[in-house]
Amino acid sequence: MSRMIRAAAPAETLATVEALIRDVVAEEATPRFGKLSDAEITEKKGPLDLVTVADRRIEERLTEALTALLPGSAVIGEEAVHADPSLRDSLLGEDPVWIIDPIDGTSNFVRGVPSFVTLVALAQRGELLASWIHHPTSGRMAVARRGEGALLDGEPLRLTPEPGCEAAEVLHMASARPAHLTAEQYDRFYGLGPTHRIKACASGSAGCDYLDVARGQLDAVTYVYDNPWDHSAGILLVAEAGGAVLRADGSGPWRMADGAQPFAAGRDALAARRVAELLSA
């Protein structure tokens, strides 16, 4: 982390973020899981883009608490940016920024499907510095710090190359936004690629899919980076667990400053490169 972040948020302060996320989610999300009334659910852009009272309450409480933990920091939260898109401008600024997705996988949360998480990341000058992914229904918490590795429930999380993966014909991959692919890319991903087929298994939550990549349960994910709250925490987790994040042209590492362009995050460089090749072919 930068000198400014280390001075303002020492390791013991960052450690309190985990407890804060757990407490807020337990109070605001857990009692409402699968039990919301119609009046507590709102469509933003359509029936697949929902916001609930739980989303709003979690983001409001985390915003207040995290900025108190790190004075001078800003917040980019999914619901706040929906109301005021100009808030995204702070992402590449000089001040540290908390990036919050209060419930990633809101549609699942509403339907009582356990594939949802709370995502929090800390960034400065467009560089990801720390992240937390909390899966409430299992109680799992994944934490990553730039250059210091990743933890899952307090235990080191480290990916190792899959034996024989260089000969695998099927990549288990998730892509939550296939509409962002061209027709040719779609055919390569979900039909037969040049040498490898894709087995799509997206959970409906980008954060859950990133967590599965970092745990070695999923080979790769691919997205167009249009919402920092969807991807920041997962990108850092995969990278610090030993995975790879590459641009569509196969170069890397991918950075937030790259903007909205396809990228692949894989359990290792080979998996990420194969997906990137399908994106750019």
Protein backbone atom coordinates (compact mmCIF):
# COMPACT_ATOMS: atom_id res chain seq x y z
CA MET A 1 0.00 0.00 0.00
CA SER A 2 1.04 3.57 -0.48
CA ARG A 3 2.67 5.49 2.35
CA MET A 4 -0.47 7.60 2.75
CA ILE A 5 -2.74 4.57 3.14
CA ARG A 6 -0.37 2.81 5.52
CA ALA A 7 -0.20 5.87 7.74
CA ALA A 8 -3.94 6.50 7.71
CA ALA A 9 -5.09 2.88 7.89
CA PRO A 10 -2.62 0.54 9.62
CA ALA A 11 -3.15 -3.20 9.50
CA GLU A 12 -5.11 -3.23 12.76
CA THR A 13 -7.54 -0.64 11.38
CA LEU A 14 -8.02 -2.56 8.15
CA ALA A 15 -8.66 -5.69 10.19
CA THR A 16 -11.68 -4.01 11.76
CA VAL A 17 -13.30 -3.72 8.32
CA GLU A 18 -14.00 -7.45 8.33
CA ALA A 19 -15.91 -7.27 11.60
CA LEU A 20 -17.74 -4.17 10.44
CA ILE A 21 -18.92 -5.85 7.23
CA ARG A 22 -20.03 -8.95 9.10
CA ASP A 23 -22.00 -6.95 11.66
CA VAL A 24 -23.75 -4.69 9.16
CA VAL A 25 -24.69 -7.53 6.82
CA ALA A 26 -25.94 -9.68 9.71
CA GLU A 27 -28.22 -6.87 10.82
CA GLU A 28 -29.43 -5.57 7.47
CA ALA A 29 -29.33 -8.49 5.01
CA THR A 30 -29.64 -11.77 6.90
CA PRO A 31 -33.09 -11.12 8.42
CA ARG A 32 -34.40 -10.02 4.99
CA PHE A 33 -32.93 -12.85 2.90
CA GLY A 34 -35.73 -14.20 0.70
CA LYS A 35 -38.33 -12.42 2.85
CA LEU A 36 -38.67 -8.97 1.26
CA SER A 37 -42.04 -7.48 0.49
CA ASP A 38 -42.74 -5.94 -2.93
CA ALA A 39 -42.54 -2.51 -1.33
CA GLU A 40 -38.92 -3.21 -0.30
CA ILE A 41 -37.77 -3.99 -3.86
CA THR A 42 -37.27 -1.47 -6.69
CA GLU A 43 -36.30 -1.95 -10.34
CA LYS A 44 -33.52 0.36 -11.53
CA LYS A 45 -33.13 -0.45 -15.22
CA GLY A 46 -35.33 -3.51 -15.47
CA PRO A 47 -36.37 -6.72 -13.70
CA LEU A 48 -32.78 -8.03 -13.62
CA ASP A 49 -31.41 -4.82 -12.08
CA LEU A 50 -32.90 -4.58 -8.60
CA VAL A 51 -32.23 -2.61 -5.47
CA THR A 52 -33.68 -3.42 -2.07
CA VAL A 53 -33.95 -1.79 1.30
CA ALA A 54 -31.10 -4.07 2.40
CA ASP A 55 -28.81 -2.77 -0.38
CA ARG A 56 -29.45 0.81 0.64
CA ARG A 57 -29.09 0.26 4.37
CA ILE A 58 -25.83 -1.70 4.03
CA GLU A 59 -24.28 0.89 1.74
CA GLU A 60 -25.34 3.80 3.94
CA ARG A 61 -23.95 2.21 7.09
CA LEU A 62 -20.70 1.08 5.50
CA THR A 63 -20.19 4.50 3.94
CA GLU A 64 -20.51 6.21 7.29
CA ALA A 65 -18.31 3.73 9.16
CA LEU A 66 -15.55 3.35 6.56
CA THR A 67 -15.05 7.07 6.02
CA ALA A 68 -14.81 7.44 9.80
CA LEU A 69 -12.13 4.72 9.87
CA LEU A 70 -10.12 6.48 7.17
CA PRO A 71 -10.65 10.26 7.42
CA GLY A 72 -10.40 12.02 4.08
CA SER A 73 -11.46 8.96 2.11
CA ALA A 74 -14.26 8.95 -0.45
CA VAL A 75 -16.82 6.26 -1.30
CA ILE A 76 -18.01 4.86 -4.61
CA GLY A 77 -21.09 2.80 -3.79
CA GLU A 78 -23.33 1.16 -6.35
CA GLU A 79 -26.51 2.81 -5.13
CA ALA A 80 -24.97 6.24 -4.53
CA VAL A 81 -23.47 6.28 -8.03
CA HIS A 82 -26.81 5.27 -9.50
CA ALA A 83 -28.23 8.45 -7.94
CA ASP A 84 -25.18 10.62 -8.77
CA PRO A 85 -22.92 9.26 -11.57
CA SER A 86 -20.36 12.04 -10.99
CA LEU A 87 -19.19 10.21 -7.86
CA ARG A 88 -17.24 7.85 -10.13
CA ASP A 89 -14.81 10.70 -10.84
CA SER A 90 -13.09 10.10 -7.49
CA LEU A 91 -11.96 6.62 -8.56
CA LEU A 92 -8.68 7.81 -10.09
CA GLY A 93 -8.16 10.77 -7.73
CA GLU A 94 -5.54 11.36 -5.08
CA ASP A 95 -7.70 10.47 -2.07
CA PRO A 96 -8.24 6.88 -0.97
CA VAL A 97 -11.58 5.47 -2.14
CA TRP A 98 -13.78 2.75 -0.69
CA ILE A 99 -15.63 0.83 -3.42
CA ILE A 100 -18.81 -0.84 -2.14
CA ASP A 101 -21.32 -3.27 -3.61
CA PRO A 102 -23.69 -3.83 -0.69
CA ILE A 103 -25.31 -6.93 -2.21
CA ASP A 104 -23.75 -8.38 -5.33
CA GLY A 105 -26.36 -10.77 -6.69
CA THR A 106 -29.42 -8.85 -5.54
CA SER A 107 -31.80 -10.92 -7.69
CA ASN A 108 -30.55 -14.06 -5.95
CA PHE A 109 -30.92 -12.38 -2.56
CA VAL A 110 -34.52 -11.44 -3.34
CA ARG A 111 -35.39 -14.99 -4.47
CA GLY A 112 -33.75 -16.65 -1.49
CA VAL A 113 -30.85 -18.07 -3.53
CA PRO A 114 -27.61 -18.04 -1.48
CA SER A 115 -25.33 -16.87 -4.33
CA PHE A 116 -24.79 -13.29 -3.18
CA VAL A 117 -21.97 -11.45 -1.43
CA THR A 118 -21.01 -8.08 -0.04
CA LEU A 119 -17.98 -6.55 -1.78
CA VAL A 120 -15.68 -3.85 -0.41
CA ALA A 121 -12.39 -2.65 -1.88
CA LEU A 122 -9.96 0.14 -1.05
CA ALA A 123 -8.16 1.96 -3.86
CA GLN A 124 -6.03 5.03 -4.44
CA ARG A 125 -4.95 6.67 -7.70
CA GLY A 126 -6.63 3.86 -9.62
CA GLU A 127 -4.69 1.14 -7.82
CA LEU A 128 -6.44 -1.56 -5.78
CA LEU A 129 -4.98 -1.85 -2.29
CA ALA A 130 -7.25 -4.10 -0.24
CA SER A 131 -10.49 -6.03 -0.63
CA TRP A 132 -13.10 -8.02 1.28
CA ILE A 133 -15.65 -10.49 -0.06
CA HIS A 134 -18.22 -11.71 2.47
CA HIS A 135 -20.58 -14.60 1.68
CA PRO A 136 -23.25 -14.26 4.37
CA THR A 137 -25.04 -17.60 4.05
CA SER A 138 -21.82 -19.58 4.58
CA GLY A 139 -20.15 -16.99 6.81
CA ARG A 140 -17.04 -17.02 4.62
CA MET A 141 -14.83 -13.96 4.33
CA ALA A 142 -12.04 -13.54 1.77
CA VAL A 143 -9.54 -10.73 2.35
CA ALA A 144 -6.72 -9.54 0.10
CA ARG A 145 -4.02 -6.88 0.48
CA ARG A 146 -1.89 -5.74 -2.41
CA GLY A 147 1.48 -7.47 -2.32
CA GLU A 148 0.62 -9.37 0.86
CA GLY A 149 -1.53 -12.24 -0.39
CA ALA A 150 -5.07 -13.42 0.21
CA LEU A 151 -6.88 -15.13 3.06
CA LEU A 152 -10.08 -17.14 3.22
CA ASP A 153 -11.49 -17.34 6.74
CA GLY A 154 -8.08 -16.39 8.07
CA GLU A 155 -6.18 -19.12 6.19
CA PRO A 156 -3.81 -18.40 3.28
CA LEU A 157 -5.49 -18.72 -0.09
CA ARG A 158 -3.02 -19.78 -2.77
CA LEU A 159 -3.78 -21.15 -6.20
CA THR A 160 -1.57 -23.80 -7.76
CA PRO A 161 -1.60 -24.80 -11.44
CA GLU A 162 -4.07 -27.60 -12.14
CA PRO A 163 -2.22 -30.80 -13.12
CA GLY A 164 -2.86 -31.53 -16.77
CA CYS A 165 -4.71 -28.27 -17.33
CA GLU A 166 -2.57 -27.56 -20.40
CA ALA A 167 -4.33 -30.49 -22.10
CA ALA A 168 -7.86 -29.72 -20.88
CA GLU A 169 -10.47 -29.38 -23.59
CA VAL A 170 -13.09 -27.67 -21.42
CA LEU A 171 -12.68 -24.47 -19.46
CA HIS A 172 -15.19 -23.93 -16.67
CA MET A 173 -15.85 -20.23 -17.01
CA ALA A 174 -18.37 -17.62 -15.94
CA SER A 175 -19.47 -14.50 -17.79
CA ALA A 176 -22.33 -12.55 -16.27
CA ARG A 177 -22.74 -10.28 -19.29
CA PRO A 178 -22.72 -12.30 -22.54
CA ALA A 179 -24.48 -9.38 -24.25
CA HIS A 180 -21.15 -7.56 -24.11
CA LEU A 181 -19.60 -10.17 -26.39
CA THR A 182 -19.71 -9.86 -30.17
CA ALA A 183 -21.56 -12.57 -32.08
CA GLU A 184 -18.23 -14.13 -33.03
CA GLN A 185 -16.97 -14.09 -29.45
CA TYR A 186 -20.22 -15.61 -28.23
CA ASP A 187 -19.91 -18.46 -30.76
CA ARG A 188 -16.33 -19.13 -29.70
CA PHE A 189 -17.16 -19.14 -26.00
CA TYR A 190 -20.36 -21.14 -26.00
CA GLY A 191 -19.78 -23.32 -29.04
CA LEU A 192 -16.39 -24.65 -29.99
CA GLY A 193 -13.41 -22.36 -29.65
CA PRO A 194 -10.22 -22.90 -31.68
CA THR A 195 -9.18 -25.73 -29.36
CA HIS A 196 -11.24 -25.45 -26.17
CA ARG A 197 -14.90 -25.40 -25.23
CA ILE A 198 -16.37 -23.18 -22.52
CA LYS A 199 -18.64 -24.60 -19.87
CA ALA A 200 -20.65 -21.63 -18.65
CA CYS A 201 -21.62 -21.72 -14.98
CA ALA A 202 -22.19 -18.12 -13.84
CA SER A 203 -23.82 -17.83 -10.44
CA GLY A 204 -25.57 -14.51 -10.99
CA SER A 205 -23.03 -12.84 -8.69
CA ALA A 206 -19.66 -11.70 -10.03
CA GLY A 207 -18.27 -11.74 -6.50
CA CYS A 208 -19.24 -15.39 -6.02
CA ASP A 209 -17.60 -16.28 -9.33
CA TYR A 210 -14.36 -14.46 -8.43
CA LEU A 211 -14.35 -16.28 -5.10
CA ASP A 212 -14.69 -19.60 -6.93
CA VAL A 213 -11.75 -18.71 -9.19
CA ALA A 214 -9.60 -17.79 -6.17
CA ARG A 215 -10.54 -21.10 -4.51
CA GLY A 216 -9.68 -23.07 -7.65
CA GLN A 217 -13.30 -24.09 -8.22
CA LEU A 218 -13.67 -22.17 -11.48
CA ASP A 219 -11.07 -21.75 -14.22
CA ALA A 220 -11.81 -18.19 -15.28
CA VAL A 221 -14.27 -15.32 -15.49
CA THR A 222 -14.60 -12.67 -18.15
CA TYR A 223 -16.36 -9.31 -18.05
CA VAL A 224 -16.42 -5.86 -19.52
CA TYR A 225 -15.32 -3.55 -16.70
CA ASP A 226 -18.18 -1.10 -16.55
CA ASN A 227 -18.95 -1.11 -12.81
CA PRO A 228 -16.00 -0.92 -10.40
CA TRP A 229 -18.11 -2.14 -7.48
CA ASP A 230 -18.79 -5.44 -9.30
CA HIS A 231 -15.16 -6.33 -9.97
CA SER A 232 -12.62 -4.48 -7.83
CA ALA A 233 -12.68 -6.78 -4.81
CA GLY A 234 -12.64 -9.93 -6.93
CA ILE A 235 -9.84 -8.81 -9.21
CA LEU A 236 -7.52 -8.15 -6.28
CA LEU A 237 -8.49 -11.40 -4.56
CA VAL A 238 -7.70 -13.50 -7.65
CA ALA A 239 -4.41 -11.70 -8.25
CA GLU A 240 -3.24 -12.00 -4.63
CA ALA A 241 -4.25 -15.67 -4.52
CA GLY A 242 -1.82 -16.29 -7.38
CA GLY A 243 -4.20 -16.05 -10.33
CA ALA A 244 -3.89 -13.78 -13.34
CA VAL A 245 -5.91 -10.86 -14.73
CA LEU A 246 -5.30 -10.02 -18.38
CA ARG A 247 -6.68 -7.61 -20.94
CA ALA A 248 -8.52 -9.03 -23.94
CA ASP A 249 -5.33 -8.80 -26.03
CA GLY A 250 -3.55 -11.05 -23.52
CA SER A 251 -1.41 -8.30 -22.00
CA GLY A 252 -1.44 -7.46 -18.34
CA PRO A 253 -1.82 -6.77 -15.59
CA TRP A 254 -5.21 -5.21 -16.08
CA ARG A 255 -5.78 -1.90 -14.23
CA MET A 256 -8.86 0.12 -13.32
CA ALA A 257 -7.56 2.97 -15.45
CA ASP A 258 -8.01 0.77 -18.52
CA GLY A 259 -11.72 1.57 -18.44
CA ALA A 260 -14.51 -0.44 -20.04
CA GLN A 261 -12.86 -3.16 -22.06
CA PRO A 262 -13.08 -6.95 -21.89
CA PHE A 263 -10.71 -8.73 -19.53
CA ALA A 264 -10.20 -12.21 -18.15
CA ALA A 265 -9.35 -13.33 -14.62
CA GLY A 266 -8.10 -16.90 -14.34
CA ARG A 267 -6.88 -19.36 -11.75
CA ASP A 268 -3.52 -19.17 -13.52
CA ALA A 269 -1.96 -17.30 -16.43
CA LEU A 270 -2.74 -20.15 -18.84
CA ALA A 271 -6.47 -20.14 -18.13
CA ALA A 272 -6.64 -16.34 -18.30
CA ARG A 273 -4.67 -16.33 -21.56
CA ARG A 274 -6.94 -18.91 -23.19
CA VAL A 275 -10.00 -16.83 -22.40
CA ALA A 276 -8.25 -13.65 -23.53
CA GLU A 277 -7.40 -15.34 -26.82
CA LEU A 278 -11.05 -16.18 -27.38
CA LEU A 279 -11.96 -12.57 -26.64
CA SER A 280 -9.45 -11.13 -29.08
CA ALA A 281 -9.49 -13.76 -31.85
